[in-house]
C-alpha atoms as a PDB file:
ATOM      1  CA  MET A   1     103.910  75.493  76.541  1.00  0.00           C
ATOM      2  CA  ILE A   2     104.821  78.720  78.370  1.00  0.00           C
ATOM      3  CA  ILE A   3     103.760  80.780  75.364  1.00  0.00           C
ATOM      4  CA  ARG A   4     100.436  78.976  75.273  1.00  0.00           C
ATOM      5  CA  SER A   5      99.975  79.658  78.969  1.00  0.00           C
ATOM      6  CA  LEU A   6     100.815  83.342  78.508  1.00  0.00           C
ATOM      7  CA  ARG A   7      98.376  83.616  75.607  1.00  0.00           C
ATOM      8  CA  LYS A   8      95.661  82.061  77.723  1.00  0.00           C
ATOM      9  CA  GLU A   9      96.389  84.516  80.545  1.00  0.00           C
ATOM     10  CA  MET A  10      96.258  87.437  78.093  1.00  0.00           C
ATOM     11  CA  GLU A  11      92.923  86.210  76.704  1.00  0.00           C
ATOM     12  CA  GLU A  12      91.514  85.931  80.218  1.00  0.00           C
ATOM     13  CA  LEU A  13      92.785  89.419  81.024  1.00  0.00           C
ATOM     14  CA  ARG A  14      91.170  90.866  77.889  1.00  0.00           C
ATOM     15  CA  ALA A  15      87.929  89.044  78.690  1.00  0.00           C
ATOM     16  CA  TRP A  16      87.966  90.511  82.206  1.00  0.00           C
ATOM     17  CA  GLU A  17      88.649  94.013  80.870  1.00  0.00           C
ATOM     18  CA  ALA A  18      85.693  93.675  78.512  1.00  0.00           C
ATOM     19  CA  ARG A  19      83.537  92.376  81.378  1.00  0.00           C
ATOM     20  CA  ALA A  20      84.671  95.246  83.627  1.00  0.00           C
ATOM     21  CA  ALA A  21      83.747  97.791  80.950  1.00  0.00           C
ATOM     22  CA  GLN A  22      80.336  96.150  80.561  1.00  0.00           C
ATOM     23  CA  LEU A  23      79.855  96.174  84.356  1.00  0.00           C
ATOM     24  CA  GLU A  24      80.735  99.866  84.532  1.00  0.00           C
ATOM     25  CA  LYS A  25      78.188 100.620  81.836  1.00  0.00           C
ATOM     26  CA  GLU A  26      75.513  98.610  83.672  1.00  0.00           C
ATOM     27  CA  ILE A  27      76.359 100.290  86.981  1.00  0.00           C
ATOM     28  CA  ARG A  28      76.108 103.758  85.431  1.00  0.00           C
ATOM     29  CA  GLU A  29      72.706 102.825  83.975  1.00  0.00           C
ATOM     30  CA  LYS A  30      71.538 101.544  87.370  1.00  0.00           C
ATOM     31  CA  MET A  31      72.793 104.715  89.025  1.00  0.00           C
ATOM     32  CA  ALA A  32      70.870 106.815  86.499  1.00  0.00           C
ATOM     33  CA  ARG A  33      67.720 104.832  87.380  1.00  0.00           C
ATOM     34  CA  ARG A  34      68.618 105.015  91.102  1.00  0.00           C
ATOM     35  CA  GLU A  35      68.621 101.209  91.426  1.00  0.00           C
ATOM     36  CA  THR A  36      70.587  99.323  94.031  1.00  0.00           C
ATOM     37  CA  VAL A  37      73.500  97.138  93.067  1.00  0.00           C
ATOM     38  CA  SER A  38      73.699  95.071  96.247  1.00  0.00           C
ATOM     39  CA  LYS A  39      72.292  91.576  96.173  1.00  0.00           C
ATOM     40  CA  ASN A  40      72.522  88.454  98.294  1.00  0.00           C
ATOM     41  CA  VAL A  41      75.155  86.337  96.553  1.00  0.00           C
ATOM     42  CA  ASN A  42      74.061  83.204  98.413  1.00  0.00           C
ATOM     43  CA  ILE A  43      70.562  83.466  96.953  1.00  0.00           C
ATOM     44  CA  VAL A  44      71.839  84.197  93.448  1.00  0.00           C
ATOM     45  CA  HIS A  45      74.223  81.238  93.633  1.00  0.00           C
ATOM     46  CA  GLY A  46      71.555  78.967  95.130  1.00  0.00           C
ATOM     47  CA  GLU A  47      69.156  79.761  92.296  1.00  0.00           C
ATOM     48  CA  ARG A  48      71.706  78.560  89.751  1.00  0.00           C
ATOM     49  CA  LEU A  49      72.278  75.144  91.370  1.00  0.00           C
ATOM     50  CA  THR A  50      70.783  71.995  89.897  1.00  0.00           C
ATOM     51  CA  LEU A  51      69.327  69.186  92.011  1.00  0.00           C
ATOM     52  CA  GLY A  52      72.479  67.089  91.602  1.00  0.00           C
ATOM     53  CA  GLU A  53      74.694  69.997  92.644  1.00  0.00           C
ATOM     54  CA  ARG A  54      72.606  70.628  95.743  1.00  0.00           C
ATOM     55  CA  MET A  55      72.757  66.925  96.630  1.00  0.00           C
ATOM     56  CA  SER A  56      76.514  66.785  96.219  1.00  0.00           C
ATOM     57  CA  ASP A  57      76.879  69.893  98.405  1.00  0.00           C
ATOM     58  CA  ARG A  58      74.789  68.234 101.117  1.00  0.00           C
ATOM     59  CA  LEU A  59      76.872  65.056 100.813  1.00  0.00           C
ATOM     60  CA  ALA A  60      80.110  67.066 101.036  1.00  0.00           C
ATOM     61  CA  ASP A  61      78.763  68.934 104.076  1.00  0.00           C
ATOM     62  CA  THR A  62      77.793  65.665 105.748  1.00  0.00           C
ATOM     63  CA  ALA A  63      80.979  63.774 104.841  1.00  0.00           C
ATOM     64  CA  GLY A  64      83.124  66.653 106.063  1.00  0.00           C
ATOM     65  CA  SER A  65      81.534  66.813 109.515  1.00  0.00           C
ATOM     66  CA  TRP A  66      82.703  65.469 112.864  1.00  0.00           C
ATOM     67  CA  GLY A  67      79.432  63.571 113.167  1.00  0.00           C
ATOM     68  CA  PHE A  68      80.204  61.585 110.034  1.00  0.00           C
ATOM     69  CA  ILE A  69      83.764  60.892 111.170  1.00  0.00           C
ATOM     70  CA  GLY A  70      82.532  59.693 114.574  1.00  0.00           C
ATOM     71  CA  PHE A  71      79.782  57.558 113.017  1.00  0.00           C
ATOM     72  CA  PHE A  72      82.169  56.000 110.536  1.00  0.00           C
ATOM     73  CA  ALA A  73      84.826  55.311 113.198  1.00  0.00           C
ATOM     74  CA  LEU A  74      82.153  53.608 115.321  1.00  0.00           C
ATOM     75  CA  PHE A  75      80.990  51.616 112.289  1.00  0.00           C
ATOM     76  CA  MET A  76      84.551  50.398 111.593  1.00  0.00           C
ATOM     77  CA  VAL A  77      85.164  49.471 115.241  1.00  0.00           C
ATOM     78  CA  LEU A  78      81.907  47.517 115.305  1.00  0.00           C
ATOM     79  CA  TRP A  79      82.711  45.817 111.984  1.00  0.00           C
ATOM     80  CA  ILE A  80      86.168  44.781 113.120  1.00  0.00           C
ATOM     81  CA  GLY A  81      84.891  43.807 116.588  1.00  0.00           C
ATOM     82  CA  ILE A  82      82.064  41.644 115.282  1.00  0.00           C
ATOM     83  CA  ASN A  83      84.328  39.893 112.777  1.00  0.00           C
ATOM     84  CA  SER A  84      87.120  39.432 115.326  1.00  0.00           C
ATOM     85  CA  VAL A  85      84.797  37.910 117.941  1.00  0.00           C
ATOM     86  CA  GLN A  86      83.236  35.693 115.348  1.00  0.00           C
ATOM     87  CA  LEU A  87      86.701  34.658 114.185  1.00  0.00           C
ATOM     88  CA  LEU A  88      86.363  31.499 116.222  1.00  0.00           C
ATOM     89  CA  LEU A  89      82.915  30.810 114.811  1.00  0.00           C
ATOM     90  CA  LYS A  90      82.279  31.821 111.205  1.00  0.00           C
ATOM     91  CA  PRO A  91      82.991  35.528 110.356  1.00  0.00           C
ATOM     92  CA  PHE A  92      81.424  37.048 107.220  1.00  0.00           C
ATOM     93  CA  ASP A  93      84.589  39.123 106.582  1.00  0.00           C
ATOM     94  CA  HIS A  94      87.823  37.342 107.494  1.00  0.00           C
ATOM     95  CA  TYR A  95      90.814  39.017 109.193  1.00  0.00           C
ATOM     96  CA  PRO A  96      92.295  41.214 106.490  1.00  0.00           C
ATOM     97  CA  TYR A  97      88.741  42.581 106.235  1.00  0.00           C
ATOM     98  CA  ILE A  98      88.644  42.608 102.484  1.00  0.00           C
ATOM     99  CA  LEU A  99      84.959  43.536 102.335  1.00  0.00           C
ATOM    100  CA  LEU A 100      85.546  46.486 104.692  1.00  0.00           C
ATOM    101  CA  ASN A 101      88.505  47.626 102.556  1.00  0.00           C
ATOM    102  CA  LEU A 102      86.346  47.340  99.451  1.00  0.00           C
ATOM    103  CA  MET A 103      83.600  49.455 101.061  1.00  0.00           C
ATOM    104  CA  LEU A 104      86.146  52.058 102.208  1.00  0.00           C
ATOM    105  CA  SER A 105      87.653  52.212  98.728  1.00  0.00           C
ATOM    106  CA  CYS A 106      84.230  52.589  97.121  1.00  0.00           C
ATOM    107  CA  LEU A 107      83.286  55.282  99.616  1.00  0.00           C
ATOM    108  CA  ALA A 108      86.521  57.186  98.923  1.00  0.00           C
ATOM    109  CA  ALA A 109      86.036  56.771  95.162  1.00  0.00           C
ATOM    110  CA  ILE A 110      82.552  58.260  95.397  1.00  0.00           C
ATOM    111  CA  GLN A 111      83.303  60.966  97.959  1.00  0.00           C
ATOM    112  CA  ALA A 112      86.397  62.424  96.289  1.00  0.00           C
ATOM    113  CA  PRO A 113      84.721  63.593  93.058  1.00  0.00           C
ATOM    114  CA  VAL A 114      81.636  64.793  94.942  1.00  0.00           C
ATOM    115  CA  ILE A 115      83.769  66.858  97.301  1.00  0.00           C
ATOM    116  CA  MET A 116      85.767  68.226  94.363  1.00  0.00           C
ATOM    117  CA  MET A 117      82.532  69.213  92.591  1.00  0.00           C
ATOM    118  CA  SER A 118      81.392  70.958  95.756  1.00  0.00           C
ATOM    119  CA  GLN A 119      84.722  72.795  95.970  1.00  0.00           C
ATOM    120  CA  ASN A 120      84.363  73.880  92.340  1.00  0.00           C
ATOM    121  CA  ARG A 121      80.922  75.279  93.093  1.00  0.00           C
ATOM    122  CA  GLN A 122      82.310  77.064  96.140  1.00  0.00           C
ATOM    123  CA  GLU A 123      84.956  78.573  93.872  1.00  0.00           C
ATOM    124  CA  ALA A 124      82.223  79.685  91.456  1.00  0.00           C
ATOM    125  CA  LYS A 125      80.354  81.209  94.398  1.00  0.00           C
ATOM    126  CA  ASP A 126      83.531  83.012  95.463  1.00  0.00           C
ATOM    127  CA  ARG A 127      83.958  84.365  91.922  1.00  0.00           C
ATOM    128  CA  LEU A 128      80.342  85.558  91.975  1.00  0.00           C
ATOM    129  CA  ARG A 129      80.933  87.210  95.364  1.00  0.00           C
ATOM    130  CA  SER A 130      84.106  88.818  94.041  1.00  0.00           C
ATOM    131  CA  GLU A 131      82.293  90.176  90.993  1.00  0.00           C
ATOM    132  CA  HIS A 132      79.512  91.491  93.217  1.00  0.00           C
ATOM    133  CA  ASP A 133      82.068  93.190  95.456  1.00  0.00           C
ATOM    134  CA  TYR A 134      83.614  94.748  92.363  1.00  0.00           C
ATOM    135  CA  GLU A 135      80.196  96.059  91.273  1.00  0.00           C
ATOM    136  CA  VAL A 136      79.503  97.552  94.709  1.00  0.00           C
ATOM    137  CA  ASN A 137      82.979  99.096  94.897  1.00  0.00           C
ATOM    138  CA  LEU A 138      82.628 100.495  91.385  1.00  0.00           C
ATOM    139  CA  LYS A 139      79.259 102.038  92.221  1.00  0.00           C
ATOM    140  CA  SER A 140      80.708 103.516  95.409  1.00  0.00           C
ATOM    141  CA  GLU A 141      83.614 104.967  93.469  1.00  0.00           C
ATOM    142  CA  LEU A 142      81.298 106.466  90.859  1.00  0.00           C
ATOM    143  CA  GLU A 143      79.017 107.877  93.566  1.00  0.00           C
ATOM    144  CA  ILE A 144      82.003 109.450  95.322  1.00  0.00           C
ATOM    145  CA  GLN A 145      83.168 110.937  92.040  1.00  0.00           C
ATOM    146  CA  GLY A 146      79.710 112.415  91.521  1.00  0.00           C
ATOM    147  CA  LEU A 147      79.734 113.847  95.048  1.00  0.00           C
ATOM    148  CA  HIS A 148      83.141 115.422  94.436  1.00  0.00           C
ATOM    149  CA  GLU A 149      81.840 117.039  91.269  1.00  0.00           C
ATOM    150  CA  LYS A 150      78.778 118.362  93.097  1.00  0.00           C
ATOM    151  CA  LEU A 151      80.943 119.697  95.921  1.00  0.00           C
ATOM    152  CA  ASP A 152      83.244 121.370  93.415  1.00  0.00           C
ATOM    153  CA  GLN A 153      80.256 122.984  91.706  1.00  0.00           C
ATOM    154  CA  LEU A 154      78.820 124.084  95.031  1.00  0.00           C
ATOM    155  CA  ARG A 155      82.171 125.510  96.133  1.00  0.00           C
ATOM    156  CA  GLU A 156      82.550 127.373  92.838  1.00  0.00           C
ATOM    157  CA  LYS A 157      79.019 128.769  93.147  1.00  0.00           C
ATOM    158  CA  GLN A 158      79.656 129.856  96.736  1.00  0.00           C
ATOM    159  CA  TRP A 159      82.958 131.409  95.711  1.00  0.00           C
ATOM    160  CA  GLN A 160      81.214 133.414  93.007  1.00  0.00           C
ATOM    161  CA  GLU A 161      78.552 134.520  95.497  1.00  0.00           C
ATOM    162  CA  LEU A 162      81.256 135.567  97.963  1.00  0.00           C
ATOM    163  CA  LEU A 163      83.023 137.578  95.278  1.00  0.00           C
ATOM    164  CA  THR A 164      79.716 139.274  94.378  1.00  0.00           C
ATOM    165  CA  ILE A 165      79.022 140.085  98.037  1.00  0.00           C
ATOM    166  CA  GLN A 166      82.573 141.356  98.478  1.00  0.00           C
ATOM    167  CA  GLN A 167      82.224 143.601  95.434  1.00  0.00           C
ATOM    168  CA  GLN A 168      78.947 144.945  96.811  1.00  0.00           C
ATOM    169  CA  GLN A 169      80.653 145.658 100.137  1.00  0.00           C
ATOM    170  CA  ILE A 170      83.504 147.424  98.366  1.00  0.00           C
ATOM    171  CA  ASP A 171      81.002 149.512  96.419  1.00  0.00           C
ATOM    172  CA  LEU A 172      79.169 150.422  99.650  1.00  0.00           C
ATOM    173  CA  LEU A 173      82.433 151.331 101.342  1.00  0.00           C
ATOM    174  CA  GLN A 174      83.364 153.477  98.345  1.00  0.00           C
ATOM    175  CA  LYS A 175      80.029 155.306  98.581  1.00  0.00           C
ATOM    176  CA  GLN A 176      80.443 155.792 102.331  1.00  0.00           C
ATOM    177  CA  LEU A 177      83.962 157.105 101.821  1.00  0.00           C
ATOM    178  CA  GLU A 178      82.737 159.526  99.173  1.00  0.00           C
ATOM    179  CA  LEU A 179      79.952 160.689 101.512  1.00  0.00           C
ATOM    180  CA  LEU A 180      82.381 161.131 104.366  1.00  0.00           C
ATOM    181  CA  GLN A 181      84.769 163.057 102.167  1.00  0.00           C
ATOM    182  CA  GLY A 182      81.878 165.215 100.919  1.00  0.00           C
ATOM    183  CA  MET A 183      80.774 165.908 104.494  1.00  0.00           C
ATOM    184  CA  GLY A 184      84.333 166.553 105.630  1.00  0.00           C
ATOM    185  CA  ALA A 185      84.977 169.047 102.814  1.00  0.00           C
ATOM    186  CA  GLY A 186      81.855 171.053 103.651  1.00  0.00           C
ATOM    187  CA  PRO A 187      82.549 171.952 107.332  1.00  0.00           C
ATOM    188  CA  THR A 188      86.272 172.613 106.753  1.00  0.00           C
ATOM    189  CA  ALA A 189      85.428 174.925 103.881  1.00  0.00           C
ATOM    190  CA  ASN A 190      83.127 177.036 106.132  1.00  0.00           C
ATOM    191  CA  ARG A 191      85.766 177.537 108.870  1.00  0.00           C
ATOM    192  CA  PRO A 192      87.752 180.810 108.927  1.00  0.00           C
END
């Protein structure tokens, strides 16, 4: 069982490495075309949802709200109150409130899978966001690498220009020194 689990992990790792290589290739192509990589993950994820998935997300949002909890608590208090007051007369759901328990059980049986489906979609959205972040970070890294290369080239070019200017200055100084020595030799040679 452990070996099977390790194999599965290795397969997932290899799949991610292949996906990362593909992403890098796509990012480099987008950079060459000067396209942006950033996108709104919420819109991308929303476009992929089916009608049933959107409905279950809305149900999970509603069922997980304080409004729903308050409404349902009020509903249960009213249910129990009406059946308790009518206990003397003829209640439609006797004291152990079997019908209420049945409704609560049915509600829980329906809500649990819907909420789990919504959580799975949220996890898929998080994976999509994570992949998008990876793409943006990869593009940033590649852009920074490109900037470093350009700076290195610029520095090398400037260094070469400085060396050329320095050599020209040395040559000019040499000529001035030769002129000064030629002028200095002339007047000292004429003195008695």
